[in-house]
Amino acid sequence: MRIPTKPIARSGLLFLVSLVASPIPLIAQSTEGDAWLKMSSETQTGFLRAYTAGVSWGFAQGCNAYYGTARSMGKHHTLKSNPFGQCLSKALQFSRPVDSYVKQLTEFYTSFPADRNVSFERIMEKLSDSEGMTSEQIHTWFKEHGPKG
């Protein structure tokens, strides 16, 4: 095989060889649990604070849009059948301090290394007020239902 003599071609060949032979692991090989455990506690807290606020805001906006659509259709609802209230009752809520969720998430990924492929969002669903599971219960649930549940 003849090695290209042009500098650009040589550089390209060297780049391709370095990609194949690189000892640096690809990001995709890391699991969400591994990534979580590598974060500092300050980063974890900030991340969860933003996540819980975003989920709450997103649900409220979605429910509000749904309510607006129902009203524009001319439907009248009682307080009990109000689409906005029904929608919000299904929203994920996180009423405990953020630090408690940081602790539980860290405990889960630390206690069950085989579950580090379970997504952060799925674990947070199980930690939400409506489900309120412990790390052990979450592990058992995912063992029975798989990481996608």
C-alpha atoms as a PDB file:
ATOM      1  CA  MET A   1       0.000   0.000   0.000  1.00  0.00           C
ATOM      2  CA  ARG A   2       1.342   3.375  -0.943  1.00  0.00           C
ATOM      3  CA  ILE A   3       1.110   6.096   1.744  1.00  0.00           C
ATOM      4  CA  PRO A   4      -0.202   9.395   0.371  1.00  0.00           C
ATOM      5  CA  THR A   5       2.496  11.995  -0.065  1.00  0.00           C
ATOM      6  CA  LYS A   6       0.362  15.091   0.084  1.00  0.00           C
ATOM      7  CA  PRO A   7       0.381  16.719   3.551  1.00  0.00           C
ATOM      8  CA  ILE A   8      -3.417  16.907   3.797  1.00  0.00           C
ATOM      9  CA  ALA A   9      -3.848  13.254   2.863  1.00  0.00           C
ATOM     10  CA  ARG A  10      -1.152  12.211   5.357  1.00  0.00           C
ATOM     11  CA  SER A  11      -2.785  14.290   8.090  1.00  0.00           C
ATOM     12  CA  GLY A  12      -6.142  12.730   7.359  1.00  0.00           C
ATOM     13  CA  LEU A  13      -4.694   9.225   7.478  1.00  0.00           C
ATOM     14  CA  LEU A  14      -2.923   9.945  10.778  1.00  0.00           C
ATOM     15  CA  PHE A  15      -6.146  11.383  12.210  1.00  0.00           C
ATOM     16  CA  LEU A  16      -8.127   8.257  11.264  1.00  0.00           C
ATOM     17  CA  VAL A  17      -5.480   5.968  12.728  1.00  0.00           C
ATOM     18  CA  SER A  18      -5.423   7.993  15.958  1.00  0.00           C
ATOM     19  CA  LEU A  19      -9.210   7.722  16.273  1.00  0.00           C
ATOM     20  CA  VAL A  20      -9.109   3.957  15.935  1.00  0.00           C
ATOM     21  CA  ALA A  21      -6.145   3.508  18.266  1.00  0.00           C
ATOM     22  CA  SER A  22      -7.179   6.129  20.841  1.00  0.00           C
ATOM     23  CA  PRO A  23      -7.273   4.877  24.442  1.00  0.00           C
ATOM     24  CA  ILE A  24      -9.841   7.556  25.402  1.00  0.00           C
ATOM     25  CA  PRO A  25     -13.238   5.922  26.017  1.00  0.00           C
ATOM     26  CA  LEU A  26     -16.174   7.260  24.084  1.00  0.00           C
ATOM     27  CA  ILE A  27     -18.772   9.200  26.063  1.00  0.00           C
ATOM     28  CA  ALA A  28     -21.524   6.885  24.839  1.00  0.00           C
ATOM     29  CA  GLN A  29     -19.908   4.025  26.740  1.00  0.00           C
ATOM     30  CA  SER A  30     -20.554   5.720  30.078  1.00  0.00           C
ATOM     31  CA  THR A  31     -23.900   5.148  31.767  1.00  0.00           C
ATOM     32  CA  GLU A  32     -26.092   7.835  33.288  1.00  0.00           C
ATOM     33  CA  GLY A  33     -25.317   6.418  36.710  1.00  0.00           C
ATOM     34  CA  ASP A  34     -21.572   6.686  36.115  1.00  0.00           C
ATOM     35  CA  ALA A  35     -21.974  10.255  34.882  1.00  0.00           C
ATOM     36  CA  TRP A  36     -24.076  11.131  37.939  1.00  0.00           C
ATOM     37  CA  LEU A  37     -21.531   9.698  40.361  1.00  0.00           C
ATOM     38  CA  LYS A  38     -18.701  11.643  38.702  1.00  0.00           C
ATOM     39  CA  MET A  39     -20.469  14.979  39.264  1.00  0.00           C
ATOM     40  CA  SER A  40     -19.647  17.091  42.300  1.00  0.00           C
ATOM     41  CA  SER A  41     -22.419  17.406  44.895  1.00  0.00           C
ATOM     42  CA  GLU A  42     -22.838  21.067  43.922  1.00  0.00           C
ATOM     43  CA  THR A  43     -23.349  20.087  40.268  1.00  0.00           C
ATOM     44  CA  GLN A  44     -25.791  17.332  41.255  1.00  0.00           C
ATOM     45  CA  THR A  45     -27.790  19.778  43.373  1.00  0.00           C
ATOM     46  CA  GLY A  46     -27.893  22.411  40.628  1.00  0.00           C
ATOM     47  CA  PHE A  47     -28.844  19.806  38.047  1.00  0.00           C
ATOM     48  CA  LEU A  48     -31.703  18.461  40.179  1.00  0.00           C
ATOM     49  CA  ARG A  49     -32.914  21.933  41.117  1.00  0.00           C
ATOM     50  CA  ALA A  50     -33.166  22.800  37.413  1.00  0.00           C
ATOM     51  CA  TYR A  51     -34.742  19.434  36.554  1.00  0.00           C
ATOM     52  CA  THR A  52     -37.505  19.633  39.184  1.00  0.00           C
ATOM     53  CA  ALA A  53     -38.273  23.271  38.311  1.00  0.00           C
ATOM     54  CA  GLY A  54     -38.348  22.424  34.593  1.00  0.00           C
ATOM     55  CA  VAL A  55     -40.648  19.441  35.061  1.00  0.00           C
ATOM     56  CA  SER A  56     -43.045  21.479  37.207  1.00  0.00           C
ATOM     57  CA  TRP A  57     -43.071  24.391  34.771  1.00  0.00           C
ATOM     58  CA  GLY A  58     -43.442  22.111  31.768  1.00  0.00           C
ATOM     59  CA  PHE A  59     -46.400  20.263  33.248  1.00  0.00           C
ATOM     60  CA  ALA A  60     -48.096  23.536  34.208  1.00  0.00           C
ATOM     61  CA  GLN A  61     -47.635  24.922  30.687  1.00  0.00           C
ATOM     62  CA  GLY A  62     -48.899  21.718  29.101  1.00  0.00           C
ATOM     63  CA  CYS A  63     -51.947  21.580  31.378  1.00  0.00           C
ATOM     64  CA  ASN A  64     -52.685  25.233  30.716  1.00  0.00           C
ATOM     65  CA  ALA A  65     -52.555  24.630  26.958  1.00  0.00           C
ATOM     66  CA  TYR A  66     -54.825  21.613  27.336  1.00  0.00           C
ATOM     67  CA  TYR A  67     -57.307  23.648  29.397  1.00  0.00           C
ATOM     68  CA  GLY A  68     -57.279  26.429  26.787  1.00  0.00           C
ATOM     69  CA  THR A  69     -58.060  23.911  24.063  1.00  0.00           C
ATOM     70  CA  ALA A  70     -60.925  22.406  26.050  1.00  0.00           C
ATOM     71  CA  ARG A  71     -62.372  25.877  26.747  1.00  0.00           C
ATOM     72  CA  SER A  72     -62.120  26.883  23.091  1.00  0.00           C
ATOM     73  CA  MET A  73     -64.252  23.877  22.206  1.00  0.00           C
ATOM     74  CA  GLY A  74     -67.040  25.388  24.316  1.00  0.00           C
ATOM     75  CA  LYS A  75     -67.065  22.605  26.883  1.00  0.00           C
ATOM     76  CA  HIS A  76     -68.169  23.538  30.390  1.00  0.00           C
ATOM     77  CA  HIS A  77     -66.724  21.649  33.314  1.00  0.00           C
ATOM     78  CA  THR A  78     -67.475  21.293  36.966  1.00  0.00           C
ATOM     79  CA  LEU A  79     -64.692  21.863  39.463  1.00  0.00           C
ATOM     80  CA  LYS A  80     -64.210  18.093  39.691  1.00  0.00           C
ATOM     81  CA  SER A  81     -64.049  17.562  35.907  1.00  0.00           C
ATOM     82  CA  ASN A  82     -61.894  20.621  35.173  1.00  0.00           C
ATOM     83  CA  PRO A  83     -59.246  19.508  32.643  1.00  0.00           C
ATOM     84  CA  PHE A  84     -56.596  21.790  34.159  1.00  0.00           C
ATOM     85  CA  GLY A  85     -57.033  20.274  37.623  1.00  0.00           C
ATOM     86  CA  GLN A  86     -57.145  16.742  36.269  1.00  0.00           C
ATOM     87  CA  CYS A  87     -53.990  17.349  34.259  1.00  0.00           C
ATOM     88  CA  LEU A  88     -52.098  18.846  37.201  1.00  0.00           C
ATOM     89  CA  SER A  89     -53.096  15.932  39.420  1.00  0.00           C
ATOM     90  CA  LYS A  90     -51.051  13.675  37.104  1.00  0.00           C
ATOM     91  CA  ALA A  91     -47.995  15.952  37.125  1.00  0.00           C
ATOM     92  CA  LEU A  92     -44.748  14.753  38.629  1.00  0.00           C
ATOM     93  CA  GLN A  93     -44.231  16.634  41.861  1.00  0.00           C
ATOM     94  CA  PHE A  94     -41.170  16.852  44.057  1.00  0.00           C
ATOM     95  CA  SER A  95     -42.067  18.427  47.404  1.00  0.00           C
ATOM     96  CA  ARG A  96     -39.026  17.366  49.419  1.00  0.00           C
ATOM     97  CA  PRO A  97     -35.801  19.388  49.534  1.00  0.00           C
ATOM     98  CA  VAL A  98     -33.555  18.880  46.500  1.00  0.00           C
ATOM     99  CA  ASP A  99     -30.779  17.522  48.739  1.00  0.00           C
ATOM    100  CA  SER A 100     -32.942  14.526  49.637  1.00  0.00           C
ATOM    101  CA  TYR A 101     -33.313  13.612  45.965  1.00  0.00           C
ATOM    102  CA  VAL A 102     -29.566  14.045  45.421  1.00  0.00           C
ATOM    103  CA  LYS A 103     -28.940  11.672  48.322  1.00  0.00           C
ATOM    104  CA  GLN A 104     -31.459   9.086  47.084  1.00  0.00           C
ATOM    105  CA  LEU A 105     -30.245   9.167  43.497  1.00  0.00           C
ATOM    106  CA  THR A 106     -26.630   8.812  44.609  1.00  0.00           C
ATOM    107  CA  GLU A 107     -27.592   5.993  46.980  1.00  0.00           C
ATOM    108  CA  PHE A 108     -29.414   4.185  44.171  1.00  0.00           C
ATOM    109  CA  TYR A 109     -26.560   4.355  41.667  1.00  0.00           C
ATOM    110  CA  THR A 110     -23.999   3.475  44.373  1.00  0.00           C
ATOM    111  CA  SER A 111     -25.962   0.564  45.867  1.00  0.00           C
ATOM    112  CA  PHE A 112     -26.955  -0.989  42.550  1.00  0.00           C
ATOM    113  CA  PRO A 113     -24.095  -0.661  40.022  1.00  0.00           C
ATOM    114  CA  ALA A 114     -25.903  -2.978  37.582  1.00  0.00           C
ATOM    115  CA  ASP A 115     -28.722  -0.385  37.429  1.00  0.00           C
ATOM    116  CA  ARG A 116     -26.513   2.495  36.333  1.00  0.00           C
ATOM    117  CA  ASN A 117     -27.980   2.130  32.841  1.00  0.00           C
ATOM    118  CA  VAL A 118     -31.402   3.147  34.180  1.00  0.00           C
ATOM    119  CA  SER A 119     -32.077   6.711  33.119  1.00  0.00           C
ATOM    120  CA  PHE A 120     -32.043   9.542  35.574  1.00  0.00           C
ATOM    121  CA  GLU A 121     -35.572  10.563  34.518  1.00  0.00           C
ATOM    122  CA  ARG A 122     -37.005   7.109  35.202  1.00  0.00           C
ATOM    123  CA  ILE A 123     -35.497   7.058  38.683  1.00  0.00           C
ATOM    124  CA  MET A 124     -36.821  10.543  39.389  1.00  0.00           C
ATOM    125  CA  GLU A 125     -40.317   9.360  38.389  1.00  0.00           C
ATOM    126  CA  LYS A 126     -40.042   6.645  41.020  1.00  0.00           C
ATOM    127  CA  LEU A 127     -38.805   9.173  43.612  1.00  0.00           C
ATOM    128  CA  SER A 128     -41.624  11.646  42.850  1.00  0.00           C
ATOM    129  CA  ASP A 129     -44.373  12.352  45.376  1.00  0.00           C
ATOM    130  CA  SER A 130     -46.876  10.153  43.549  1.00  0.00           C
ATOM    131  CA  GLU A 131     -44.660   7.051  43.630  1.00  0.00           C
ATOM    132  CA  GLY A 132     -42.359   7.763  46.588  1.00  0.00           C
ATOM    133  CA  MET A 133     -40.235   4.614  46.237  1.00  0.00           C
ATOM    134  CA  THR A 134     -37.064   3.807  48.145  1.00  0.00           C
ATOM    135  CA  SER A 135     -33.825   2.807  46.401  1.00  0.00           C
ATOM    136  CA  GLU A 136     -34.519  -0.858  47.148  1.00  0.00           C
ATOM    137  CA  GLN A 137     -38.069  -0.611  45.755  1.00  0.00           C
ATOM    138  CA  ILE A 138     -36.806   1.120  42.622  1.00  0.00           C
ATOM    139  CA  HIS A 139     -34.172  -1.587  42.110  1.00  0.00           C
ATOM    140  CA  THR A 140     -36.799  -4.314  42.481  1.00  0.00           C
ATOM    141  CA  TRP A 141     -39.211  -2.513  40.136  1.00  0.00           C
ATOM    142  CA  PHE A 142     -36.602  -2.154  37.369  1.00  0.00           C
ATOM    143  CA  LYS A 143     -35.447  -5.745  37.916  1.00  0.00           C
ATOM    144  CA  GLU A 144     -39.019  -6.864  37.211  1.00  0.00           C
ATOM    145  CA  HIS A 145     -39.863  -4.377  34.422  1.00  0.00           C
ATOM    146  CA  GLY A 146     -36.509  -3.554  32.811  1.00  0.00           C
ATOM    147  CA  PRO A 147     -34.811  -0.140  32.547  1.00  0.00           C
ATOM    148  CA  LYS A 148     -37.436   1.285  30.174  1.00  0.00           C
ATOM    149  CA  GLY A 149     -40.327   0.024  32.341  1.00  0.00           C
END
